[in-house]
Protein backbone atom coordinates (compact mmCIF):
# COMPACT_ATOMS: atom_id res chain seq x y z
CA UNK A 1 26.72 120.03 -38.36
CA UNK A 2 25.07 117.15 -40.19
CA UNK A 3 21.42 117.57 -41.14
CA UNK A 4 19.02 115.12 -39.45
CA UNK A 5 17.53 114.05 -42.76
CA UNK A 6 20.94 112.97 -44.06
CA UNK A 7 21.73 110.37 -41.43
CA UNK A 8 20.21 107.88 -39.09
CA UNK A 9 19.64 109.32 -35.65
CA UNK A 10 21.48 107.84 -32.70
CA UNK A 11 18.51 105.81 -31.46
CA UNK A 12 18.40 103.92 -34.76
CA UNK A 13 21.92 102.62 -34.18
CA UNK A 14 21.98 101.88 -30.45
CA UNK A 15 21.46 98.22 -29.66
CA UNK A 16 21.11 96.39 -26.35
CA UNK A 17 24.58 94.90 -26.79
CA UNK A 18 26.10 98.38 -27.00
CA UNK A 19 24.31 99.49 -23.83
CA UNK A 20 25.55 96.43 -21.98
CA UNK A 21 29.09 97.04 -23.18
CA UNK A 22 29.01 100.62 -21.88
CA UNK A 23 27.66 99.44 -18.53
CA UNK A 24 30.37 96.81 -18.20
CA UNK A 25 33.07 99.39 -18.96
CA UNK A 26 31.87 101.30 -15.88
CA UNK A 27 31.49 98.11 -13.78
CA UNK A 28 27.70 98.38 -13.73
CA UNK A 29 25.83 95.10 -14.23
CA UNK A 30 22.21 95.92 -15.08
CA UNK A 31 19.05 94.01 -14.39
CA UNK A 32 17.07 96.54 -16.40
CA UNK A 33 17.76 99.39 -18.85
CA UNK A 34 14.97 101.90 -19.52
CA UNK A 35 15.14 104.70 -22.12
CA UNK A 36 14.34 108.15 -20.71
CA UNK A 37 15.12 110.82 -23.32
CA UNK A 38 16.03 110.34 -26.95
CA UNK A 39 17.21 112.97 -29.45
CA UNK A 40 20.73 114.20 -30.18
CA UNK A 41 21.69 112.22 -27.11
CA UNK A 42 20.22 109.08 -25.58
CA UNK A 43 19.58 108.82 -21.85
CA UNK A 44 18.89 105.55 -20.07
CA UNK A 45 18.05 104.59 -16.52
CA UNK A 46 20.05 101.55 -15.46
CA UNK A 47 19.17 99.49 -12.38
CA UNK A 48 21.54 96.84 -11.03
CA UNK A 49 19.23 95.52 -8.32
CA UNK A 50 20.24 98.02 -5.64
CA UNK A 51 21.47 101.26 -7.26
CA UNK A 52 19.95 103.28 -10.12
CA UNK A 53 22.36 104.84 -12.61
CA UNK A 54 22.00 107.17 -15.58
CA UNK A 55 23.77 106.31 -18.84
CA UNK A 56 24.10 109.15 -21.36
CA UNK A 57 25.20 108.56 -24.95
CA UNK A 58 26.15 111.11 -27.62
CA UNK A 59 26.66 110.74 -31.36
CA UNK A 60 30.21 111.56 -32.48
CA UNK A 61 28.77 113.34 -35.53
CA UNK A 62 26.89 115.77 -33.27
CA UNK A 63 29.25 116.28 -30.35
CA UNK A 64 33.02 116.43 -30.08
CA UNK A 65 34.50 114.18 -27.43
CA UNK A 66 36.39 117.15 -25.97
CA UNK A 67 33.10 119.05 -25.43
CA UNK A 68 31.59 116.17 -23.47
CA UNK A 69 34.78 115.88 -21.43
CA UNK A 70 34.43 119.59 -20.65
CA UNK A 71 30.88 118.97 -19.39
CA UNK A 72 32.13 116.18 -17.12
CA UNK A 73 35.02 118.28 -15.83
CA UNK A 74 32.60 121.11 -14.99
CA UNK A 75 30.26 118.70 -13.19
CA UNK A 76 33.18 117.37 -11.19
CA UNK A 77 34.44 120.87 -10.34
CA UNK A 78 30.94 121.83 -9.16
CA UNK A 79 30.67 118.70 -7.05
CA UNK A 80 34.03 119.36 -5.43
CA UNK A 81 33.03 123.00 -4.87
CA UNK A 82 29.94 122.19 -2.83
CA UNK A 83 27.19 121.68 -5.41
CA UNK A 84 25.11 118.52 -4.97
CA UNK A 85 25.26 117.12 -8.48
CA UNK A 86 25.99 114.02 -10.53
CA UNK A 87 29.38 112.43 -9.83
CA UNK A 88 30.46 110.56 -12.99
CA UNK A 89 31.90 107.10 -12.51
CA UNK A 90 35.38 106.22 -13.68
CA UNK A 91 35.61 103.33 -16.10
CA UNK A 92 37.91 100.33 -15.93
CA UNK A 93 40.23 102.43 -18.08
CA UNK A 94 40.27 105.21 -15.44
CA UNK A 95 38.23 107.54 -17.69
CA UNK A 96 34.93 109.34 -17.07
CA UNK A 97 34.10 109.17 -20.78
CA UNK A 98 34.26 106.13 -23.06
CA UNK A 99 33.62 105.70 -26.79
CA UNK A 100 32.38 102.66 -28.69
CA UNK A 101 31.83 102.25 -32.46
CA UNK A 102 28.33 102.58 -33.90
CA UNK A 103 29.37 101.84 -37.48
CA UNK A 104 32.39 102.33 -39.74
CA UNK A 105 32.28 106.14 -39.38
CA UNK A 106 30.61 106.94 -36.08
CA UNK A 107 31.12 106.45 -32.38
CA UNK A 108 28.87 106.68 -29.36
CA UNK A 109 30.45 108.67 -26.52
CA UNK A 110 29.04 107.75 -23.13
CA UNK A 111 29.30 108.26 -19.39
CA UNK A 112 27.52 106.90 -16.31
CA UNK A 113 26.62 108.38 -12.94
CA UNK A 114 24.41 107.33 -9.98
CA UNK A 115 20.94 108.87 -10.15
CA UNK A 116 20.50 111.71 -7.68
CA UNK A 117 17.96 111.42 -4.88
CA UNK A 118 14.99 113.76 -4.75
CA UNK A 119 11.85 114.70 -6.63
CA UNK A 120 11.22 117.00 -9.59
CA UNK A 121 8.67 119.79 -9.71
CA UNK A 122 6.17 118.79 -12.38
CA UNK A 123 6.02 120.99 -15.47
CA UNK A 124 2.76 122.92 -15.36
CA UNK A 125 1.43 126.36 -16.27
CA UNK A 126 0.94 126.99 -12.55
CA UNK A 127 4.27 125.55 -11.37
CA UNK A 128 5.25 129.03 -10.17
CA UNK A 129 2.91 128.54 -7.20
CA UNK A 130 5.34 125.90 -5.86
CA UNK A 131 8.10 128.48 -5.52
CA UNK A 132 8.02 129.91 -2.04
CA UNK A 133 10.48 132.66 -1.08
CA UNK A 134 12.57 129.96 0.65
CA UNK A 135 12.73 127.80 -2.48
CA UNK A 136 13.56 130.77 -4.71
CA UNK A 137 16.37 131.69 -2.29
CA UNK A 138 17.78 128.14 -2.50
CA UNK A 139 17.50 128.14 -6.29
CA UNK A 140 19.46 131.39 -6.48
CA UNK A 141 21.98 130.11 -3.95
CA UNK A 142 22.51 127.01 -6.10
CA UNK A 143 23.14 129.02 -9.28
CA UNK A 144 25.33 131.46 -7.35
CA UNK A 145 27.47 128.56 -6.14
CA UNK A 146 27.91 127.30 -9.71
CA UNK A 147 28.95 130.80 -10.84
CA UNK A 148 31.33 131.18 -7.90
CA UNK A 149 33.04 127.94 -8.93
CA UNK A 150 33.14 129.10 -12.56
CA UNK A 151 34.79 132.37 -11.53
CA UNK A 152 37.33 130.44 -9.44
CA UNK A 153 38.17 128.29 -12.47
CA UNK A 154 38.72 131.47 -14.50
CA UNK A 155 40.92 133.02 -11.80
CA UNK A 156 43.03 129.85 -11.81
CA UNK A 157 43.18 130.07 -15.64
CA UNK A 158 41.47 126.68 -15.92
CA UNK A 159 39.77 126.56 -19.31
CA UNK A 160 37.30 123.71 -19.84
CA UNK A 161 36.41 122.67 -23.38
CA UNK A 162 32.91 124.03 -23.96
CA UNK A 163 31.46 126.14 -26.76
CA UNK A 164 30.83 129.87 -26.57
CA UNK A 165 27.17 130.88 -26.53
CA UNK A 166 27.18 132.08 -30.14
CA UNK A 167 28.57 128.74 -31.35
CA UNK A 168 25.65 126.79 -29.89
CA UNK A 169 23.15 125.10 -32.20
CA UNK A 170 20.37 126.45 -29.99
CA UNK A 171 20.61 129.90 -31.63
CA UNK A 172 21.20 128.77 -35.22
CA UNK A 173 18.12 130.52 -36.55
CA UNK A 174 19.29 130.48 -40.18
CA UNK A 175 19.36 126.69 -40.23
CA UNK A 176 16.15 126.05 -38.30
CA UNK A 177 13.69 128.81 -39.25
CA UNK A 178 12.42 129.29 -42.83
CA UNK A 179 13.95 132.21 -44.76
CA UNK A 180 10.41 133.52 -45.35
CA UNK A 181 10.32 134.57 -41.67
CA UNK A 182 12.42 137.62 -42.58
CA UNK A 183 11.28 139.81 -39.66
CA UNK A 184 12.09 137.04 -37.19
CA UNK A 185 15.59 136.70 -38.66
CA UNK A 186 16.10 140.46 -38.50
CA UNK A 187 15.14 140.59 -34.81
CA UNK A 188 17.40 137.64 -34.05
CA UNK A 189 20.35 139.31 -35.75
CA UNK A 190 19.72 142.60 -33.93
CA UNK A 191 19.51 140.86 -30.56
CA UNK A 192 22.70 138.90 -31.15
CA UNK A 193 24.48 142.14 -32.07
CA UNK A 194 23.21 143.76 -28.85
CA UNK A 195 24.61 140.90 -26.80
CA UNK A 196 27.94 141.00 -28.63
CA UNK A 197 28.17 144.71 -27.77
CA UNK A 198 28.15 144.01 -24.01
CA UNK A 199 31.72 144.39 -22.67
CA UNK A 200 33.10 140.93 -21.87
CA UNK A 201 35.01 140.75 -18.62
CA UNK A 202 36.08 137.99 -16.25
CA UNK A 203 33.56 139.24 -13.73
CA UNK A 204 30.52 139.02 -16.00
CA UNK A 205 31.36 136.29 -18.52
CA UNK A 206 32.37 132.68 -17.96
CA UNK A 207 31.28 129.07 -17.93
CA UNK A 208 27.57 128.79 -17.05
CA UNK A 209 25.16 125.90 -16.51
CA UNK A 210 23.05 127.18 -19.39
CA UNK A 211 19.74 125.54 -18.51
CA UNK A 212 18.97 125.62 -14.78
CA UNK A 213 15.21 125.62 -15.24
CA UNK A 214 13.13 123.91 -12.58
CA UNK A 215 13.17 120.59 -14.44
CA UNK A 216 16.92 120.37 -13.97
CA UNK A 217 17.09 120.18 -10.22
CA UNK A 218 15.69 117.82 -7.60
CA UNK A 219 14.23 118.68 -4.21
CA UNK A 220 15.67 116.51 -1.45
CA UNK A 221 15.31 117.16 2.28
CA UNK A 222 16.66 120.69 2.79
CA UNK A 223 18.72 121.11 -0.38
CA UNK A 224 18.56 121.18 -4.18
CA UNK A 225 20.61 118.89 -6.41
CA UNK A 226 21.37 119.87 -10.00
CA UNK A 227 21.46 117.73 -13.14
CA UNK A 228 22.07 118.09 -16.89
CA UNK A 229 25.10 120.24 -17.68
CA UNK A 230 24.58 119.47 -21.38
CA UNK A 231 23.88 123.15 -22.20
CA UNK A 232 26.88 124.51 -20.30
CA UNK A 233 28.76 127.10 -22.35
CA UNK A 234 30.71 130.34 -22.06
CA UNK A 235 28.16 133.13 -21.66
CA UNK A 236 27.23 136.12 -19.54
CA UNK A 237 26.38 135.07 -15.99
CA UNK A 238 23.26 137.23 -16.01
CA UNK A 239 21.88 135.17 -18.93
CA UNK A 240 21.98 132.14 -16.63
CA UNK A 241 19.76 134.05 -14.19
CA UNK A 242 17.20 134.94 -16.87
CA UNK A 243 16.79 131.31 -18.03
CA UNK A 244 15.24 130.01 -14.77
CA UNK A 245 12.90 133.02 -14.61
CA UNK A 246 11.74 132.42 -18.19
CA UNK A 247 10.98 128.78 -17.37
CA UNK A 248 8.79 129.45 -14.37
CA UNK A 249 6.70 132.47 -15.38
CA UNK A 250 2.93 131.90 -15.31
CA UNK A 251 1.57 130.72 -18.64
CA UNK A 252 0.05 131.83 -21.03
CA UNK A 253 1.51 135.29 -21.61
CA UNK A 254 -1.89 136.95 -21.26
CA UNK A 255 -1.49 136.55 -17.47
CA UNK A 256 0.65 139.68 -17.48
CA UNK A 257 -0.22 140.93 -14.00
CA UNK A 258 0.57 137.55 -12.41
CA UNK A 259 3.78 137.32 -14.44
CA UNK A 260 4.95 140.76 -13.28
CA UNK A 261 4.12 140.04 -9.66
CA UNK A 262 5.92 136.71 -9.69
CA UNK A 263 8.96 138.06 -11.57
CA UNK A 264 9.45 140.72 -8.89
CA UNK A 265 9.19 138.06 -6.18
CA UNK A 266 11.64 135.87 -8.09
CA UNK A 267 14.21 138.63 -8.50
CA UNK A 268 13.98 139.61 -4.84
CA UNK A 269 14.47 136.15 -3.31
CA UNK A 270 16.45 134.41 -6.06
CA UNK A 271 19.04 137.19 -6.15
CA UNK A 272 19.25 137.28 -2.36
CA UNK A 273 20.27 133.62 -2.46
CA UNK A 274 22.56 134.19 -5.44
CA UNK A 275 24.43 137.01 -3.73
CA UNK A 276 25.28 134.84 -0.71
CA UNK A 277 27.68 133.00 -3.03
CA UNK A 278 28.85 135.54 -5.62
CA UNK A 279 28.12 139.00 -6.98
CA UNK A 280 25.85 140.58 -9.56
CA UNK A 281 26.09 144.34 -10.02
CA UNK A 282 23.12 146.54 -10.89
CA UNK A 283 24.39 147.20 -14.40
CA UNK A 284 24.30 143.48 -15.16
CA UNK A 285 20.93 143.01 -13.41
CA UNK A 286 19.44 145.60 -15.77
CA UNK A 287 20.27 143.27 -18.69
CA UNK A 288 17.81 140.60 -17.53
CA UNK A 289 15.02 141.77 -19.93
CA UNK A 290 17.43 141.47 -22.88
CA UNK A 291 18.34 137.91 -21.92
CA UNK A 292 14.69 137.00 -21.34
CA UNK A 293 14.12 138.09 -24.95
CA UNK A 294 17.14 136.02 -26.01
CA UNK A 295 15.74 132.97 -24.21
CA UNK A 296 12.42 133.52 -25.96
CA UNK A 297 14.26 133.36 -29.27
CA UNK A 298 16.12 130.18 -28.28
CA UNK A 299 12.82 128.60 -27.25
CA UNK A 300 11.29 129.57 -30.62
CA UNK A 301 14.19 127.91 -32.44
CA UNK A 302 13.67 124.79 -30.31
CA UNK A 303 10.08 124.54 -31.55
CA UNK A 304 11.33 124.48 -35.13
CA UNK A 305 13.98 121.90 -34.27
CA UNK A 306 11.68 119.48 -32.48
CA UNK A 307 8.13 119.82 -33.80
CA UNK A 308 6.85 117.90 -36.82
CA UNK A 309 5.71 120.71 -39.12
CA UNK A 310 3.90 118.24 -41.37
CA UNK A 311 1.56 117.36 -38.48
CA UNK A 312 1.14 120.48 -36.36
CA UNK A 313 -1.83 120.47 -34.02
CA UNK A 314 -4.12 123.52 -33.81
CA UNK A 315 -2.60 124.31 -30.41
CA UNK A 316 0.95 124.16 -31.81
CA UNK A 317 -0.03 126.49 -34.66
CA UNK A 318 -1.47 128.91 -32.13
CA UNK A 319 1.73 128.84 -30.05
CA UNK A 320 3.86 129.53 -33.14
CA UNK A 321 1.67 132.45 -34.24
CA UNK A 322 1.65 133.99 -30.78
CA UNK A 323 5.39 133.58 -30.22
CA UNK A 324 6.16 134.93 -33.70
CA UNK A 325 4.09 138.02 -32.97
CA UNK A 326 5.83 138.64 -29.63
CA UNK A 327 9.32 138.24 -31.09
CA UNK A 328 8.68 140.30 -34.22
CA UNK A 329 7.33 143.17 -32.12
CA UNK A 330 9.83 142.69 -29.30
CA UNK A 331 7.03 142.57 -26.75
CA UNK A 332 8.63 142.06 -23.31
CA UNK A 333 8.31 138.60 -21.78
CA UNK A 334 7.33 140.27 -18.54
CA UNK A 335 7.04 143.86 -17.34
CA UNK A 336 9.94 144.55 -14.99
């Protein structure tokens, strides 16, 4: 993996002409192109006067073409299996993924899909109040459907090109966190060893969405539609259940009673919906606290990857200190 300081980031190289060329490859003729999210990938909203599309670009130095193709194949399998999700367009070359040169050494890989209908739940420390038993049931049903499709792919011996969980940059603590944080590194290594020790079987390990927090689905009429398979990887299915819970717990952590009460409500209704589509045995369910701790570690790494440590605000410093303390002492995310 190339260090950010050693190269220009993707946004420095993308020009309007390149965006137009990608759009034309997918027979989309834009009236406007608006940037939405910029980092290791660039996301744009494209409007042609009647339909809104999403254009996603990746840097060839950061992402193998085969990995992105695996993401698209998983999206397509989910769509065909009953999940309301993005349906990538095929280009004039009959491909879902196209590549165009950025410079002499690098390419931009890109794909396009129509924007899904619906509204997002706004990120907020009290977002958990939006989650009625009915909505939690639907959320679990959605993830259960994705896991059912993943298990069917495995049964058919269909292997899509995605990384395993321990190959993901999201847990590369050695690269992102200073060596001086020795206790943090020790806890990370211990936790990773614990996860590696879990027996890996077809029934409990497979291709997961990897990030189905409440910002990655839309509410529309009587159903949920899912977006952003960018974090999909091969992992334990139960980890994919812990990630949504982590995202929606009341904040800050001092609200322990509220967090415990909501977590119990979540597990009751979310898992009821999940089990309408696939299975989760009690032995796996008991691993949820471990994977909540793992998600806390991944979130801590993300802070180091994305925050400007030369210009930390007092609030950011407080968050780092608090999260460091919780991880170092393995304080549970929530009392279950």
